[in-house]
Structure formats: structure tokens, C-alpha cells
């Protein structure tokens, strides 16, 4: 198979397939690509976590601001005020403005989260293919090493 280390290795390693796999992986030509994808995937997970936290924070802020507006309206109603005075109206408008800012942040982060989900799924799919190829190449290499070891043993 392509990119396989075919030098004879210590026959003791061939007795433990897990150790043989580690030896193979350390010399596998495509291992750098696998490691790079792992790193990118971790970075994307971290970004998604941050975006998710920002979405939740915006949602929480919006709820709090809506509750504050409702409280202002209840207070006005209890005081029998039909028309809001300028001060309470300004406060309500300030809260509404903040709600709009948080809605914008929410939408931006939600969109970012959706995009990251697609990127993460693509990387995961690629890594699955790489793992399959690594396993297939390892099996070919391992069988070749065992055959070579048996053939040198017969010649000795």
C-alpha cells in the first residue's frame, strides 16, 4: 500500500497489534493531515461553544429586558397612569433598543452556530474516511510485516 513503512520491525511488536498500530501510525505519511484535522475540529468545537453561549446570553438578556418592560407597565397601571410620563417612556424605549441589539447579536451568533455545525459535520466526515483509510493501510502494512517476518524466519 502507498505510504507504508516496509522496513522490518522488531518481531516482538508484531505480537501486540496495538503497539504495532502505534509504530505504524508514527510513520504513516497521512498522519499529519489527520492530526491537523483533529486540531481544526477542536477549534471549531470551541468556536461553536462560544457562539452557543453567546446565543444563550442574548436570549437571557432579551427575556430580562422584556420582564423589565412588563414591570414598568404594571407599575404604571397600578398607579392609574394612562399615558406614560416621559421618564418611564424613555426607560421603556431604552429597554426596547437594548432588546433589538440583543436580537441582532442572537441572530448573528445563531447563524454562526449553524455555519459551524456544517463545517464540523464536514470535518467529522472527512476524519471518518481518514480513519477508515488508516485502518485499511495498517492492516495491509501489518500483514506485510508478518509475512516478511515469517519469510526471514524461514530463511534463517
Protein backbone atom coordinates (compact mmCIF):
# COMPACT_ATOMS: atom_id res chain seq x y z
CA UNK A 1 0.00 0.00 0.00
CA UNK A 2 1.08 3.56 -0.68
CA UNK A 3 2.99 5.44 2.01
CA UNK A 4 3.64 2.40 4.16
CA UNK A 5 6.84 1.81 6.08
CA UNK A 6 8.04 -1.55 4.84
CA UNK A 7 11.28 -1.85 6.78
CA UNK A 8 11.36 -4.83 9.04
CA UNK A 9 10.45 -4.02 12.59
CA UNK A 10 11.09 -5.76 15.87
CA UNK A 11 9.12 -9.04 15.73
CA UNK A 12 8.06 -8.51 19.36
CA UNK A 13 5.99 -5.51 18.27
CA UNK A 14 4.09 -7.69 15.81
CA UNK A 15 2.82 -9.79 18.72
CA UNK A 16 0.89 -6.81 20.11
CA UNK A 17 -1.31 -5.33 17.40
CA UNK A 18 -1.94 -2.16 19.45
CA UNK A 19 1.80 -1.46 19.75
CA UNK A 20 2.25 -2.28 16.07
CA UNK A 21 -0.51 0.20 15.27
CA UNK A 22 1.28 2.94 17.24
CA UNK A 23 4.54 2.21 15.39
CA UNK A 24 2.68 2.30 12.08
CA UNK A 25 0.83 5.49 12.91
CA UNK A 26 4.04 7.29 13.91
CA UNK A 27 5.45 6.63 10.42
CA UNK A 28 2.17 6.96 8.48
CA UNK A 29 2.55 9.57 5.75
CA UNK A 30 -1.02 10.88 6.16
CA UNK A 31 -0.87 11.15 9.96
CA UNK A 32 -0.03 14.88 9.81
CA UNK A 33 -3.26 15.50 7.89
CA UNK A 34 -5.25 13.52 10.46
CA UNK A 35 -3.69 15.48 13.32
CA UNK A 36 -4.32 18.79 11.53
CA UNK A 37 -7.99 17.90 11.09
CA UNK A 38 -8.24 16.98 14.78
CA UNK A 39 -6.84 20.39 15.66
CA UNK A 40 -9.23 22.21 13.31
CA UNK A 41 -12.15 20.20 14.67
CA UNK A 42 -11.25 21.14 18.25
CA UNK A 43 -11.02 24.80 17.21
CA UNK A 44 -14.44 24.61 15.53
CA UNK A 45 -15.94 22.96 18.63
CA UNK A 46 -14.54 25.77 20.77
CA UNK A 47 -15.96 28.39 18.39
CA UNK A 48 -19.34 26.65 18.41
CA UNK A 49 -19.32 26.52 22.19
CA UNK A 50 -18.62 30.25 22.36
CA UNK A 51 -21.35 31.02 19.81
CA UNK A 52 -23.80 28.81 21.70
CA UNK A 53 -23.03 30.61 24.94
CA UNK A 54 -23.49 33.98 23.21
CA UNK A 55 -26.87 32.83 21.82
CA UNK A 56 -27.99 31.77 25.28
CA UNK A 57 -26.74 35.00 26.83
CA UNK A 58 -28.63 37.10 24.26
CA UNK A 59 -31.78 35.06 24.82
CA UNK A 60 -31.46 35.56 28.57
CA UNK A 61 -30.89 39.31 28.21
CA UNK A 62 -33.92 39.65 25.93
CA UNK A 63 -36.10 37.84 28.47
CA UNK A 64 -34.84 40.03 31.32
CA UNK A 65 -35.45 43.22 29.33
CA UNK A 66 -38.97 42.10 28.38
CA UNK A 67 -39.66 41.40 32.05
CA UNK A 68 -38.41 44.90 32.96
CA UNK A 69 -40.70 46.48 30.36
CA UNK A 70 -43.62 44.47 31.66
CA UNK A 71 -42.77 45.57 35.22
CA UNK A 72 -42.78 49.22 34.14
CA UNK A 73 -46.19 48.78 32.51
CA UNK A 74 -47.58 47.04 35.58
CA UNK A 75 -46.31 49.83 37.83
CA UNK A 76 -47.91 52.45 35.59
CA UNK A 77 -51.18 50.53 35.57
CA UNK A 78 -51.18 50.21 39.35
CA UNK A 79 -50.64 53.94 39.67
CA UNK A 80 -53.53 54.50 37.33
CA UNK A 81 -51.39 56.27 34.80
CA UNK A 82 -52.97 56.04 31.38
CA UNK A 83 -50.29 57.82 29.46
CA UNK A 84 -46.68 57.05 30.33
CA UNK A 85 -44.73 60.02 31.58
CA UNK A 86 -41.67 60.96 29.62
CA UNK A 87 -39.21 59.36 32.07
CA UNK A 88 -40.86 55.91 32.12
CA UNK A 89 -41.40 56.12 28.37
CA UNK A 90 -37.68 56.82 27.87
CA UNK A 91 -36.79 53.89 30.10
CA UNK A 92 -39.10 51.58 28.15
CA UNK A 93 -37.65 52.79 24.84
CA UNK A 94 -34.14 52.23 26.18
CA UNK A 95 -35.08 48.64 27.06
CA UNK A 96 -36.66 48.11 23.62
CA UNK A 97 -33.49 49.43 21.98
CA UNK A 98 -31.39 47.01 24.04
CA UNK A 99 -33.73 44.16 23.05
CA UNK A 100 -33.12 44.96 19.38
CA UNK A 101 -29.34 44.96 19.92
CA UNK A 102 -29.53 41.59 21.66
CA UNK A 103 -31.78 40.23 18.90
CA UNK A 104 -29.16 41.24 16.33
CA UNK A 105 -26.40 39.54 18.35
CA UNK A 106 -28.62 36.49 18.78
CA UNK A 107 -29.25 36.21 15.03
CA UNK A 108 -25.56 36.69 14.19
CA UNK A 109 -24.40 34.07 16.66
CA UNK A 110 -27.17 31.65 15.73
CA UNK A 111 -26.18 31.96 12.07
CA UNK A 112 -22.53 31.43 13.01
CA UNK A 113 -23.54 28.37 15.02
CA UNK A 114 -25.47 26.93 12.07
CA UNK A 115 -22.46 27.50 9.75
CA UNK A 116 -20.09 25.90 12.25
CA UNK A 117 -22.36 22.88 12.53
CA UNK A 118 -21.97 22.29 8.78
CA UNK A 119 -18.21 22.75 8.94
CA UNK A 120 -17.92 20.39 11.91
CA UNK A 121 -20.00 17.74 10.15
CA UNK A 122 -17.79 18.01 7.05
CA UNK A 123 -14.60 17.66 9.10
CA UNK A 124 -16.06 14.70 11.01
CA UNK A 125 -16.99 13.01 7.75
CA UNK A 126 -13.50 13.58 6.36
CA UNK A 127 -11.95 12.23 9.55
CA UNK A 128 -14.12 9.11 9.38
CA UNK A 129 -12.79 8.48 5.86
CA UNK A 130 -9.24 9.12 7.06
CA UNK A 131 -9.68 6.70 9.98
CA UNK A 132 -11.00 4.05 7.60
CA UNK A 133 -8.04 4.56 5.29
CA UNK A 134 -5.62 4.49 8.24
CA UNK A 135 -7.14 1.20 9.43
CA UNK A 136 -7.05 -0.30 5.92
CA UNK A 137 -3.44 0.81 5.37
CA UNK A 138 -2.46 -0.50 8.79
CA UNK A 139 -3.98 -3.91 8.08
CA UNK A 140 -2.06 -4.08 4.78
CA UNK A 141 1.17 -2.99 6.45
CA UNK A 142 0.71 -5.34 9.41
CA UNK A 143 0.05 -8.34 7.16
CA UNK A 144 3.09 -7.43 5.06
CA UNK A 145 5.28 -7.16 8.18
CA UNK A 146 4.06 -10.54 9.45
CA UNK A 147 4.73 -12.14 6.03
CA UNK A 148 8.19 -10.57 5.84
CA UNK A 149 8.98 -11.71 9.37
CA UNK A 150 7.88 -15.28 8.56
CA UNK A 151 9.89 -15.30 5.34
CA UNK A 152 13.07 -14.09 7.06
CA UNK A 153 12.49 -16.61 9.82
CA UNK A 154 12.31 -19.45 7.23
CA UNK A 155 15.48 -18.22 5.53
CA UNK A 156 17.40 -18.19 8.82
